[in-house]
Amino acid sequence: MKLSLLSVFVPTFLFVSLTPGMCMTLSMVLGMTQGVKRTLWMMAGELVGVGLVAAAAGAGVATLMLRQPALFALFKWVGGAYLGYLGVMMWRSRGRMAIPLERLELPPASRGQLALQGFLTAVANPKGWAFFVALLPPFLDASRALAGQLGVLIAVILTIEFLCLVLYAAGGRSLRRLLGESDNVRLLNRLAGSLMVGVGVWLALG
């Protein structure tokens, strides 16, 4: 992979990752309700999903996937319904994703649940598949081994994606500190729940 190509690829993908989207919104919501440390589990699932989609796009599998609208419809609706349900529960200040109204130590969301959220959101987003199909080919040299080039690009993608996810999660944590006084916990849950429902609708209908 030539440095000249990376010098173009890095700012391009950085700009895309910093733009608010489903995964970044999800990271901010969980940073708000679960804290940055526990949100790392969602990020792990999301990064696995992004890496899988990027690898498939680079290998040409994504083109085939994009021709299977029924498969994407299933992913989108199941994933959107799941996130929407969690958002409604958060809006009602119920469930492990919400901030407790009382100062009680309740069991947090499980690591597996958080990772599943991230993975579903990344893999079930057809715009993400289409984006990688369009973005990756110009940076791949057909005269060189595909695996090495794709490995470098995916490593760069995941590094940038992780840094942006942490940035959004930290923003959510700061918002919780700003609004997280006892009288505002319900408001914070409703804000987080509304954003989560929005991500679910976005995923299902996008």
N, C-alpha and C. Protein backbone atom coordinates (compact mmCIF):
# COMPACT_ATOMS: atom_id res chain seq x y z
N MET A 1 0.85 -1.20 0.00
CA MET A 1 0.00 0.00 0.00
C MET A 1 0.88 1.25 0.00
N LYS A 2 0.72 2.09 -1.01
CA LYS A 2 1.53 3.29 -1.13
C LYS A 2 1.09 4.34 -0.12
N LEU A 3 2.09 5.09 0.39
CA LEU A 3 1.79 6.14 1.36
C LEU A 3 0.93 7.23 0.75
N SER A 4 1.11 7.46 -0.56
CA SER A 4 0.31 8.51 -1.21
C SER A 4 -1.17 8.15 -1.20
N LEU A 5 -1.48 6.85 -1.37
CA LEU A 5 -2.87 6.41 -1.32
C LEU A 5 -3.42 6.52 0.09
N LEU A 6 -2.61 6.13 1.09
CA LEU A 6 -3.06 6.22 2.47
C LEU A 6 -3.29 7.67 2.89
N SER A 7 -2.49 8.58 2.35
CA SER A 7 -2.64 9.99 2.71
C SER A 7 -3.97 10.55 2.22
N VAL A 8 -4.55 9.91 1.22
CA VAL A 8 -5.88 10.31 0.74
C VAL A 8 -6.96 9.52 1.47
N PHE A 9 -6.70 8.22 1.68
CA PHE A 9 -7.70 7.35 2.30
C PHE A 9 -7.99 7.75 3.74
N VAL A 10 -6.95 8.06 4.53
CA VAL A 10 -7.13 8.35 5.96
C VAL A 10 -8.05 9.55 6.18
N PRO A 11 -7.80 10.72 5.59
CA PRO A 11 -8.72 11.84 5.83
C PRO A 11 -10.12 11.59 5.28
N THR A 12 -10.21 10.83 4.18
CA THR A 12 -11.53 10.53 3.62
C THR A 12 -12.35 9.72 4.60
N PHE A 13 -11.78 8.64 5.12
CA PHE A 13 -12.54 7.80 6.05
C PHE A 13 -12.72 8.49 7.40
N LEU A 14 -11.76 9.31 7.82
CA LEU A 14 -11.92 10.05 9.07
C LEU A 14 -13.12 10.97 9.00
N PHE A 15 -13.27 11.67 7.88
CA PHE A 15 -14.42 12.56 7.70
C PHE A 15 -15.72 11.77 7.76
N VAL A 16 -15.75 10.62 7.10
CA VAL A 16 -16.96 9.79 7.08
C VAL A 16 -17.29 9.29 8.47
N SER A 17 -16.30 8.83 9.21
CA SER A 17 -16.53 8.28 10.55
C SER A 17 -16.99 9.35 11.53
N LEU A 18 -16.45 10.55 11.40
CA LEU A 18 -16.83 11.62 12.32
C LEU A 18 -18.25 12.13 12.07
N THR A 19 -18.76 11.90 10.87
CA THR A 19 -20.12 12.33 10.57
C THR A 19 -21.12 11.51 11.39
N PRO A 20 -22.07 12.17 12.08
CA PRO A 20 -23.02 11.42 12.90
C PRO A 20 -23.78 10.38 12.07
N GLY A 21 -23.80 9.16 12.55
CA GLY A 21 -24.51 8.08 11.89
C GLY A 21 -25.07 7.13 12.93
N MET A 22 -25.55 5.98 12.49
CA MET A 22 -26.18 5.05 13.42
C MET A 22 -25.21 4.57 14.49
N CYS A 23 -24.03 4.14 14.09
CA CYS A 23 -23.08 3.58 15.05
C CYS A 23 -22.57 4.65 16.02
N MET A 24 -22.32 5.84 15.51
CA MET A 24 -21.84 6.90 16.39
C MET A 24 -22.92 7.35 17.37
N THR A 25 -24.17 7.42 16.90
CA THR A 25 -25.27 7.76 17.78
C THR A 25 -25.44 6.71 18.87
N LEU A 26 -25.33 5.44 18.48
CA LEU A 26 -25.43 4.35 19.44
C LEU A 26 -24.32 4.45 20.48
N SER A 27 -23.12 4.77 20.05
CA SER A 27 -22.00 4.92 20.99
C SER A 27 -22.26 6.06 21.96
N MET A 28 -22.81 7.17 21.49
CA MET A 28 -23.10 8.29 22.36
C MET A 28 -24.17 7.93 23.38
N VAL A 29 -25.22 7.23 22.93
CA VAL A 29 -26.30 6.83 23.83
C VAL A 29 -25.78 5.92 24.94
N LEU A 30 -24.98 4.93 24.56
CA LEU A 30 -24.47 3.99 25.56
C LEU A 30 -23.42 4.64 26.45
N GLY A 31 -22.65 5.58 25.91
CA GLY A 31 -21.74 6.34 26.76
C GLY A 31 -22.50 7.11 27.81
N MET A 32 -23.69 7.55 27.44
CA MET A 32 -24.56 8.30 28.35
C MET A 32 -25.14 7.41 29.45
N THR A 33 -25.59 6.22 29.07
CA THR A 33 -26.30 5.37 30.02
C THR A 33 -25.44 4.28 30.65
N GLN A 34 -24.40 3.83 29.94
CA GLN A 34 -23.58 2.72 30.44
C GLN A 34 -22.17 3.14 30.84
N GLY A 35 -21.74 4.30 30.35
CA GLY A 35 -20.37 4.72 30.61
C GLY A 35 -19.45 4.26 29.49
N VAL A 36 -18.33 4.96 29.34
CA VAL A 36 -17.41 4.67 28.23
C VAL A 36 -16.82 3.27 28.35
N LYS A 37 -16.47 2.86 29.56
CA LYS A 37 -15.82 1.56 29.75
C LYS A 37 -16.69 0.41 29.28
N ARG A 38 -17.97 0.40 29.66
CA ARG A 38 -18.86 -0.69 29.24
C ARG A 38 -19.24 -0.56 27.77
N THR A 39 -19.24 0.65 27.25
CA THR A 39 -19.55 0.85 25.84
C THR A 39 -18.48 0.23 24.95
N LEU A 40 -17.30 -0.02 25.49
CA LEU A 40 -16.25 -0.68 24.73
C LEU A 40 -16.71 -2.04 24.20
N TRP A 41 -17.62 -2.69 24.91
CA TRP A 41 -18.14 -3.98 24.44
C TRP A 41 -18.99 -3.80 23.19
N MET A 42 -19.79 -2.74 23.16
CA MET A 42 -20.55 -2.44 21.95
C MET A 42 -19.59 -2.12 20.81
N MET A 43 -18.54 -1.37 21.11
CA MET A 43 -17.57 -1.01 20.09
C MET A 43 -16.90 -2.26 19.52
N ALA A 44 -16.61 -3.25 20.39
CA ALA A 44 -15.99 -4.48 19.93
C ALA A 44 -16.87 -5.18 18.90
N GLY A 45 -18.17 -5.27 19.20
CA GLY A 45 -19.10 -5.89 18.27
C GLY A 45 -19.22 -5.09 16.98
N GLU A 46 -19.25 -3.78 17.12
CA GLU A 46 -19.38 -2.91 15.94
C GLU A 46 -18.15 -3.02 15.05
N LEU A 47 -16.97 -3.08 15.65
CA LEU A 47 -15.74 -3.17 14.87
C LEU A 47 -15.64 -4.51 14.15
N VAL A 48 -16.09 -5.58 14.80
CA VAL A 48 -16.13 -6.89 14.12
C VAL A 48 -17.04 -6.80 12.90
N GLY A 49 -18.21 -6.16 13.09
CA GLY A 49 -19.15 -6.01 11.98
C GLY A 49 -18.58 -5.18 10.86
N VAL A 50 -17.97 -4.05 11.19
CA VAL A 50 -17.38 -3.18 10.18
C VAL A 50 -16.25 -3.89 9.44
N GLY A 51 -15.40 -4.60 10.19
CA GLY A 51 -14.32 -5.35 9.55
C GLY A 51 -14.84 -6.41 8.61
N LEU A 52 -15.92 -7.08 9.02
CA LEU A 52 -16.53 -8.11 8.17
C LEU A 52 -17.08 -7.50 6.89
N VAL A 53 -17.78 -6.38 7.01
CA VAL A 53 -18.36 -5.72 5.84
C VAL A 53 -17.26 -5.21 4.91
N ALA A 54 -16.21 -4.61 5.48
CA ALA A 54 -15.12 -4.09 4.67
C ALA A 54 -14.40 -5.22 3.93
N ALA A 55 -14.17 -6.33 4.63
CA ALA A 55 -13.50 -7.47 3.99
C ALA A 55 -14.36 -8.05 2.87
N ALA A 56 -15.65 -8.15 3.12
CA ALA A 56 -16.56 -8.66 2.09
C ALA A 56 -16.60 -7.73 0.89
N ALA A 57 -16.61 -6.43 1.16
CA ALA A 57 -16.63 -5.46 0.06
C ALA A 57 -15.36 -5.57 -0.78
N GLY A 58 -14.22 -5.68 -0.10
CA GLY A 58 -12.96 -5.78 -0.82
C GLY A 58 -12.85 -7.06 -1.63
N ALA A 59 -13.48 -8.12 -1.14
CA ALA A 59 -13.43 -9.40 -1.84
C ALA A 59 -14.51 -9.55 -2.89
N GLY A 60 -15.38 -8.56 -3.01
CA GLY A 60 -16.44 -8.61 -4.01
C GLY A 60 -17.71 -9.26 -3.54
N VAL A 61 -17.74 -9.75 -2.30
CA VAL A 61 -18.94 -10.42 -1.79
C VAL A 61 -20.07 -9.42 -1.60
N ALA A 62 -19.72 -8.18 -1.25
CA ALA A 62 -20.75 -7.19 -0.98
C ALA A 62 -21.64 -6.94 -2.19
N THR A 63 -21.06 -7.01 -3.38
CA THR A 63 -21.86 -6.81 -4.59
C THR A 63 -22.98 -7.84 -4.67
N LEU A 64 -22.64 -9.08 -4.33
CA LEU A 64 -23.65 -10.13 -4.32
C LEU A 64 -24.68 -9.88 -3.23
N MET A 65 -24.22 -9.46 -2.04
CA MET A 65 -25.13 -9.21 -0.92
C MET A 65 -26.13 -8.10 -1.26
N LEU A 66 -25.65 -7.07 -1.94
CA LEU A 66 -26.52 -5.95 -2.28
C LEU A 66 -27.60 -6.36 -3.28
N ARG A 67 -27.42 -7.50 -3.93
CA ARG A 67 -28.43 -8.00 -4.86
C ARG A 67 -29.44 -8.90 -4.17
N GLN A 68 -29.35 -9.02 -2.85
CA GLN A 68 -30.28 -9.85 -2.08
C GLN A 68 -31.08 -8.96 -1.13
N PRO A 69 -32.03 -8.17 -1.66
CA PRO A 69 -32.77 -7.23 -0.81
C PRO A 69 -33.56 -7.92 0.29
N ALA A 70 -34.01 -9.15 0.07
CA ALA A 70 -34.78 -9.84 1.11
C ALA A 70 -33.91 -10.12 2.34
N LEU A 71 -32.64 -10.47 2.11
CA LEU A 71 -31.73 -10.73 3.21
C LEU A 71 -31.47 -9.46 4.01
N PHE A 72 -31.26 -8.36 3.30
CA PHE A 72 -31.04 -7.09 3.98
C PHE A 72 -32.30 -6.64 4.72
N ALA A 73 -33.46 -6.86 4.12
CA ALA A 73 -34.71 -6.47 4.78
C ALA A 73 -34.86 -7.19 6.11
N LEU A 74 -34.50 -8.47 6.14
CA LEU A 74 -34.59 -9.23 7.38
C LEU A 74 -33.63 -8.66 8.42
N PHE A 75 -32.36 -8.44 8.04
CA PHE A 75 -31.39 -7.86 8.95
C PHE A 75 -31.87 -6.51 9.48
N LYS A 76 -32.35 -5.68 8.57
CA LYS A 76 -32.75 -4.32 8.93
C LYS A 76 -33.91 -4.31 9.92
N TRP A 77 -34.94 -5.10 9.63
CA TRP A 77 -36.14 -5.05 10.47
C TRP A 77 -35.92 -5.71 11.83
N VAL A 78 -35.19 -6.81 11.85
CA VAL A 78 -34.89 -7.46 13.13
C VAL A 78 -34.00 -6.54 13.98
N GLY A 79 -32.95 -6.02 13.37
CA GLY A 79 -32.06 -5.13 14.11
C GLY A 79 -32.76 -3.85 14.54
N GLY A 80 -33.56 -3.26 13.65
CA GLY A 80 -34.28 -2.04 13.99
C GLY A 80 -35.29 -2.25 15.10
N ALA A 81 -36.01 -3.37 15.05
CA ALA A 81 -37.00 -3.67 16.09
C ALA A 81 -36.32 -3.87 17.45
N TYR A 82 -35.19 -4.54 17.43
CA TYR A 82 -34.44 -4.78 18.68
C TYR A 82 -33.99 -3.47 19.30
N LEU A 83 -33.39 -2.60 18.51
CA LEU A 83 -32.93 -1.32 19.03
C LEU A 83 -34.11 -0.43 19.44
N GLY A 84 -35.21 -0.50 18.68
CA GLY A 84 -36.39 0.28 19.04
C GLY A 84 -36.97 -0.16 20.38
N TYR A 85 -37.02 -1.47 20.60
CA TYR A 85 -37.52 -2.00 21.88
C TYR A 85 -36.65 -1.50 23.04
N LEU A 86 -35.33 -1.56 22.86
CA LEU A 86 -34.44 -1.08 23.91
C LEU A 86 -34.64 0.42 24.16
N GLY A 87 -34.88 1.17 23.08
CA GLY A 87 -35.11 2.60 23.24
C GLY A 87 -36.37 2.91 24.01
N VAL A 88 -37.44 2.17 23.75
CA VAL A 88 -38.69 2.37 24.49
C VAL A 88 -38.48 2.06 25.97
N MET A 89 -37.76 0.99 26.26
CA MET A 89 -37.48 0.64 27.65
C MET A 89 -36.67 1.73 28.34
N MET A 90 -35.70 2.29 27.63
CA MET A 90 -34.90 3.37 28.20
C MET A 90 -35.75 4.61 28.42
N TRP A 91 -36.64 4.90 27.47
CA TRP A 91 -37.51 6.08 27.59
C TRP A 91 -38.39 5.97 28.83
N ARG A 92 -38.76 4.73 29.17
CA ARG A 92 -39.60 4.49 30.35
C ARG A 92 -38.76 4.29 31.62
N SER A 93 -37.45 4.50 31.51
CA SER A 93 -36.53 4.32 32.64
C SER A 93 -36.59 2.90 33.18
N ARG A 94 -36.70 1.95 32.27
CA ARG A 94 -36.76 0.55 32.66
C ARG A 94 -35.69 -0.23 31.90
N GLY A 95 -35.35 -1.38 32.42
CA GLY A 95 -34.37 -2.23 31.75
C GLY A 95 -32.95 -1.87 32.14
N ARG A 96 -32.04 -2.74 31.77
CA ARG A 96 -30.64 -2.58 32.17
C ARG A 96 -29.91 -1.50 31.39
N MET A 97 -30.48 -1.04 30.28
CA MET A 97 -29.83 0.01 29.51
C MET A 97 -30.08 1.40 30.11
N ALA A 98 -31.15 1.55 30.89
CA ALA A 98 -31.53 2.85 31.43
C ALA A 98 -30.72 3.18 32.67
N ILE A 99 -30.65 4.47 32.97
CA ILE A 99 -30.05 4.93 34.22
C ILE A 99 -31.09 4.77 35.32
N PRO A 100 -30.78 4.11 36.43
CA PRO A 100 -31.78 3.93 37.50
C PRO A 100 -32.27 5.26 38.04
N LEU A 101 -33.58 5.35 38.28
CA LEU A 101 -34.14 6.58 38.85
C LEU A 101 -33.71 6.75 40.30
N GLU A 102 -33.56 5.63 40.99
CA GLU A 102 -33.08 5.67 42.36
C GLU A 102 -31.59 5.38 42.35
N ARG A 103 -30.92 5.79 43.40
CA ARG A 103 -29.47 5.55 43.50
C ARG A 103 -29.23 4.11 43.94
N LEU A 104 -29.54 3.18 43.08
CA LEU A 104 -29.39 1.76 43.37
C LEU A 104 -28.39 1.14 42.42
N GLU A 105 -27.68 0.14 42.90
CA GLU A 105 -26.75 -0.58 42.05
C GLU A 105 -27.49 -1.71 41.35
N LEU A 106 -27.93 -1.49 40.13
CA LEU A 106 -28.63 -2.50 39.35
C LEU A 106 -27.67 -3.19 38.39
N PRO A 107 -27.94 -4.45 38.04
CA PRO A 107 -27.06 -5.14 37.09
C PRO A 107 -27.04 -4.38 35.77
N PRO A 108 -25.86 -4.09 35.25
CA PRO A 108 -25.79 -3.37 33.96
C PRO A 108 -26.12 -4.31 32.81
N ALA A 109 -26.25 -3.74 31.64
CA ALA A 109 -26.45 -4.55 30.44
C ALA A 109 -25.28 -5.52 30.29
N SER A 110 -25.57 -6.73 29.82
CA SER A 110 -24.52 -7.73 29.70
C SER A 110 -23.55 -7.36 28.57
N ARG A 111 -22.36 -7.88 28.66
CA ARG A 111 -21.36 -7.63 27.63
C ARG A 111 -21.82 -8.16 26.28
N GLY A 112 -22.43 -9.35 26.31
CA GLY A 112 -22.92 -9.93 25.07
C GLY A 112 -24.00 -9.10 24.42
N GLN A 113 -24.90 -8.55 25.24
CA GLN A 113 -25.98 -7.71 24.71
C GLN A 113 -25.41 -6.46 24.06
N LEU A 114 -24.43 -5.86 24.70
CA LEU A 114 -23.82 -4.65 24.14
C LEU A 114 -23.08 -4.96 22.84
N ALA A 115 -22.33 -6.06 22.83
CA ALA A 115 -21.60 -6.43 21.62
C ALA A 115 -22.56 -6.75 20.48
N LEU A 116 -23.68 -7.42 20.81
CA LEU A 116 -24.66 -7.76 19.78
C LEU A 116 -25.26 -6.50 19.16
N GLN A 117 -25.54 -5.50 19.99
CA GLN A 117 -26.06 -4.24 19.47
C GLN A 117 -25.12 -3.65 18.43
N GLY A 118 -23.84 -3.59 18.78
CA GLY A 118 -22.86 -3.01 17.86
C GLY A 118 -22.74 -3.81 16.58
N PHE A 119 -22.71 -5.13 16.70
CA PHE A 119 -22.55 -5.98 15.52
C PHE A 119 -23.74 -5.86 14.59
N LEU A 120 -24.96 -5.93 15.14
CA LEU A 120 -26.16 -5.83 14.32
C LEU A 120 -26.24 -4.49 13.60
N THR A 121 -25.91 -3.43 14.32
CA THR A 121 -26.00 -2.10 13.73
C THR A 121 -25.04 -1.94 12.56
N ALA A 122 -23.85 -2.54 12.67
CA ALA A 122 -22.86 -2.43 11.60
C ALA A 122 -23.20 -3.31 10.41
N VAL A 123 -23.59 -4.56 10.67
CA VAL A 123 -23.80 -5.52 9.59
C VAL A 123 -25.13 -5.31 8.87
N ALA A 124 -26.14 -4.81 9.60
CA ALA A 124 -27.48 -4.70 9.01
C ALA A 124 -27.70 -3.37 8.29
N ASN A 125 -26.65 -2.59 8.13
CA ASN A 125 -26.79 -1.29 7.49
C ASN A 125 -26.37 -1.38 6.01
N PRO A 126 -27.33 -1.44 5.09
CA PRO A 126 -26.98 -1.57 3.66
C PRO A 126 -26.17 -0.38 3.14
N LYS A 127 -26.35 0.79 3.74
CA LYS A 127 -25.58 1.95 3.30
C LYS A 127 -24.10 1.75 3.60
N GLY A 128 -23.80 1.02 4.70
CA GLY A 128 -22.42 0.72 5.02
C GLY A 128 -21.80 -0.19 3.97
N TRP A 129 -22.56 -1.21 3.55
CA TRP A 129 -22.07 -2.11 2.49
C TRP A 129 -21.83 -1.33 1.20
N ALA A 130 -22.80 -0.52 0.82
CA ALA A 130 -22.68 0.24 -0.42
C ALA A 130 -21.50 1.22 -0.35
N PHE A 131 -21.30 1.80 0.84
CA PHE A 131 -20.20 2.75 1.00
C PHE A 131 -18.86 2.07 0.77
N PHE A 132 -18.67 0.90 1.36
CA PHE A 132 -17.39 0.20 1.21
C PHE A 132 -17.19 -0.30 -0.22
N VAL A 133 -18.28 -0.70 -0.88
CA VAL A 133 -18.18 -1.11 -2.28
C VAL A 133 -17.65 0.05 -3.13
N ALA A 134 -18.11 1.26 -2.81
CA ALA A 134 -17.69 2.44 -3.57
C ALA A 134 -16.32 2.94 -3.15
N LEU A 135 -15.99 2.83 -1.84
CA LEU A 135 -14.77 3.45 -1.32
C LEU A 135 -13.52 2.62 -1.57
N LEU A 136 -13.60 1.31 -1.35
CA LEU A 136 -12.39 0.50 -1.33
C LEU A 136 -11.73 0.26 -2.70
N PRO A 137 -12.49 -0.07 -3.76
CA PRO A 137 -11.84 -0.41 -5.04
C PRO A 137 -10.83 0.61 -5.55
N PRO A 138 -11.07 1.92 -5.47
CA PRO A 138 -10.08 2.87 -5.99
C PRO A 138 -8.73 2.80 -5.27
N PHE A 139 -8.72 2.25 -4.06
CA PHE A 139 -7.48 2.20 -3.30
C PHE A 139 -6.80 0.82 -3.38
N LEU A 140 -7.34 -0.08 -4.19
CA LEU A 140 -6.76 -1.41 -4.35
C LEU A 140 -6.08 -1.51 -5.72
N ASP A 141 -4.86 -2.01 -5.72
CA ASP A 141 -4.07 -2.17 -6.94
C ASP A 141 -4.22 -3.61 -7.42
N ALA A 142 -4.81 -3.79 -8.60
CA ALA A 142 -5.06 -5.14 -9.12
C ALA A 142 -3.78 -5.91 -9.41
N SER A 143 -2.66 -5.20 -9.55
CA SER A 143 -1.40 -5.88 -9.85
C SER A 143 -0.69 -6.39 -8.60
N ARG A 144 -1.22 -6.08 -7.44
CA ARG A 144 -0.62 -6.50 -6.17
C ARG A 144 -1.53 -7.50 -5.47
N ALA A 145 -0.97 -8.20 -4.48
CA ALA A 145 -1.76 -9.17 -3.71
C ALA A 145 -2.89 -8.45 -2.98
N LEU A 146 -4.11 -8.96 -3.14
CA LEU A 146 -5.28 -8.31 -2.55
C LEU A 146 -5.27 -8.38 -1.02
N ALA A 147 -4.90 -9.52 -0.48
CA ALA A 147 -4.99 -9.73 0.97
C ALA A 147 -4.19 -8.70 1.76
N GLY A 148 -2.95 -8.45 1.33
CA GLY A 148 -2.10 -7.50 2.05
C GLY A 148 -2.66 -6.09 2.01
N GLN A 149 -3.10 -5.67 0.82
CA GLN A 149 -3.66 -4.32 0.69
C GLN A 149 -4.93 -4.16 1.53
N LEU A 150 -5.79 -5.17 1.45
CA LEU A 150 -7.05 -5.12 2.18
C LEU A 150 -6.80 -5.13 3.68
N GLY A 151 -5.78 -5.89 4.11
CA GLY A 151 -5.45 -5.93 5.53
C GLY A 151 -5.04 -4.57 6.06
N VAL A 152 -4.22 -3.85 5.28
CA VAL A 152 -3.78 -2.51 5.69
C VAL A 152 -4.96 -1.55 5.77
N LEU A 153 -5.81 -1.57 4.74
CA LEU A 153 -6.96 -0.66 4.72
C LEU A 153 -7.93 -0.95 5.87
N ILE A 154 -8.20 -2.21 6.14
CA ILE A 154 -9.12 -2.56 7.23
C ILE A 154 -8.54 -2.16 8.57
N ALA A 155 -7.23 -2.32 8.74
CA ALA A 155 -6.59 -1.90 9.99
C ALA A 155 -6.75 -0.39 10.19
N VAL A 156 -6.58 0.37 9.11
CA VAL A 156 -6.75 1.82 9.19
C VAL A 156 -8.21 2.16 9.50
N ILE A 157 -9.14 1.48 8.82
CA ILE A 157 -10.57 1.72 9.03
C ILE A 157 -10.96 1.47 10.47
N LEU A 158 -10.54 0.34 11.02
CA LEU A 158 -10.93 -0.02 12.38
C LEU A 158 -10.31 0.92 13.41
N THR A 159 -9.09 1.36 13.16
CA THR A 159 -8.44 2.30 14.08
C THR A 159 -9.20 3.62 14.12
N ILE A 160 -9.51 4.16 12.95
CA ILE A 160 -10.24 5.43 12.88
C ILE A 160 -11.64 5.27 13.47
N GLU A 161 -12.31 4.17 13.14
CA GLU A 161 -13.66 3.94 13.64
C GLU A 161 -13.66 3.86 15.17
N PHE A 162 -12.69 3.16 15.73
CA PHE A 162 -12.61 3.02 17.19
C PHE A 162 -12.41 4.38 17.86
N LEU A 163 -11.51 5.18 17.33
CA LEU A 163 -11.25 6.50 17.92
C LEU A 163 -12.50 7.38 17.87
N CYS A 164 -13.24 7.32 16.78
CA CYS A 164 -14.46 8.12 16.66
C CYS A 164 -15.54 7.61 17.60
N LEU A 165 -15.66 6.30 17.75
CA LEU A 165 -16.64 5.73 18.69
C LEU A 165 -16.34 6.17 20.12
N VAL A 166 -15.07 6.16 20.49
CA VAL A 166 -14.68 6.59 21.84
C VAL A 166 -15.01 8.07 22.03
N LEU A 167 -14.77 8.86 21.01
CA LEU A 167 -15.06 10.29 21.08
C LEU A 167 -16.55 10.53 21.31
N TYR A 168 -17.40 9.81 20.60
CA TYR A 168 -18.85 9.97 20.77
C TYR A 168 -19.30 9.44 22.12
N ALA A 169 -18.73 8.33 22.58
CA ALA A 169 -19.09 7.79 23.89
C ALA A 169 -18.71 8.76 25.00
N ALA A 170 -17.54 9.39 24.86
CA ALA A 170 -17.10 10.38 25.84
C ALA A 170 -18.05 11.58 25.85
N GLY A 171 -18.54 11.95 24.66
CA GLY A 171 -19.52 13.03 24.59
C GLY A 171 -20.80 12.67 25.32
N GLY A 172 -21.25 11.42 25.18
CA GLY A 172 -22.43 10.97 25.91
C GLY A 172 -22.21 10.99 27.41
N ARG A 173 -21.04 10.57 27.84
CA ARG A 173 -20.73 10.60 29.28
C ARG A 173 -20.74 12.03 29.80
N SER A 174 -20.19 12.96 29.03
CA SER A 174 -20.21 14.37 29.45
C SER A 174 -21.62 14.91 29.55
N LEU A 175 -22.48 14.48 28.61
CA LEU A 175 -23.88 14.92 28.64
C LEU A 175 -24.58 14.38 29.88
N ARG A 176 -24.24 13.15 30.26
CA ARG A 176 -24.84 12.59 31.48
C ARG A 176 -24.41 13.39 32.70
N ARG A 177 -23.15 13.77 32.74
CA ARG A 177 -22.69 14.57 33.88
C ARG A 177 -23.39 15.91 33.93
N LEU A 178 -23.69 16.46 32.75
CA LEU A 178 -24.35 17.75 32.68
C LEU A 178 -25.80 17.68 33.14
N LEU A 179 -26.48 16.60 32.73
CA LEU A 179 -27.92 16.47 33.01
C LEU A 179 -28.24 15.43 34.06
N GLY A 180 -27.22 14.77 34.59
CA GLY A 180 -27.47 13.59 35.41
C GLY A 180 -27.79 13.83 36.86
N GLU A 181 -28.15 15.03 37.26
CA GLU A 181 -28.62 15.23 38.62
C GLU A 181 -29.92 14.46 38.82
N SER A 182 -30.27 14.21 40.06
CA SER A 182 -31.41 13.33 40.35
C SER A 182 -32.69 13.76 39.66
N ASP A 183 -32.92 15.05 39.55
CA ASP A 183 -34.17 15.54 38.95
C ASP A 183 -34.16 15.38 37.43
N ASN A 184 -33.01 15.14 36.86
CA ASN A 184 -32.91 15.08 35.39
C ASN A 184 -32.66 13.68 34.85
N VAL A 185 -32.63 12.68 35.72
CA VAL A 185 -32.34 11.33 35.25
C VAL A 185 -33.42 10.85 34.29
N ARG A 186 -34.68 11.10 34.63
CA ARG A 186 -35.77 10.68 33.74
C ARG A 186 -35.64 11.36 32.38
N LEU A 187 -35.30 12.65 32.39
CA LEU A 187 -35.11 13.38 31.13
C LEU A 187 -33.96 12.77 30.33
N LEU A 188 -32.88 12.40 31.02
CA LEU A 188 -31.73 11.81 30.34
C LEU A 188 -32.10 10.46 29.73
N ASN A 189 -32.85 9.66 30.47
CA ASN A 189 -33.31 8.38 29.93
C ASN A 189 -34.18 8.58 28.71
N ARG A 190 -35.05 9.58 28.74
CA ARG A 190 -35.94 9.81 27.60
C ARG A 190 -35.16 10.32 26.40
N LEU A 191 -34.16 11.13 26.63
CA LEU A 191 -33.31 11.60 25.53
C LEU A 191 -32.57 10.42 24.91
N ALA A 192 -31.95 9.60 25.77
CA ALA A 192 -31.21 8.43 25.27
C ALA A 192 -32.15 7.44 24.57
N GLY A 193 -33.34 7.22 25.17
CA GLY A 193 -34.31 6.31 24.57
C GLY A 193 -34.80 6.80 23.22
N SER A 194 -35.04 8.10 23.11
CA SER A 194 -35.50 8.67 21.84
C SER A 194 -34.43 8.50 20.75
N LEU A 195 -33.17 8.73 21.12
CA LEU A 195 -32.08 8.54 20.16
C LEU A 195 -31.96 7.09 19.75
N MET A 196 -32.14 6.18 20.72
CA MET A 196 -32.05 4.75 20.40
C MET A 196 -33.18 4.32 19.46
N VAL A 197 -34.40 4.79 19.73
CA VAL A 197 -35.52 4.50 18.83
C VAL A 197 -35.23 5.06 17.45
N GLY A 198 -34.66 6.28 17.42
CA GLY A 198 -34.31 6.87 16.14
C GLY A 198 -33.32 6.03 15.35
N VAL A 199 -32.32 5.47 16.04
CA VAL A 199 -31.35 4.58 15.38
C VAL A 199 -32.07 3.35 14.84
N GLY A 200 -33.02 2.79 15.64
CA GLY A 200 -33.75 1.62 15.21
C GLY A 200 -34.58 1.89 13.96
N VAL A 201 -35.28 3.03 13.95
CA VAL A 201 -36.08 3.40 12.78
C VAL A 201 -35.18 3.66 11.58
N TRP A 202 -34.08 4.32 11.81
CA TRP A 202 -33.10 4.61 10.76
C TRP A 202 -32.60 3.31 10.12
N LEU A 203 -32.29 2.34 11.00
CA LEU A 203 -31.79 1.06 10.52
C LEU A 203 -32.84 0.31 9.72
N ALA A 204 -34.09 0.32 10.21
CA ALA A 204 -35.16 -0.44 9.56
C ALA A 204 -35.58 0.18 8.23
N LEU A 205 -35.62 1.50 8.17
CA LEU A 205 -36.16 2.16 6.99
C LEU A 205 -35.11 2.75 6.07
N GLY A 206 -33.84 2.79 6.54
CA GLY A 206 -32.79 3.42 5.76
C GLY A 206 -32.47 2.67 4.48
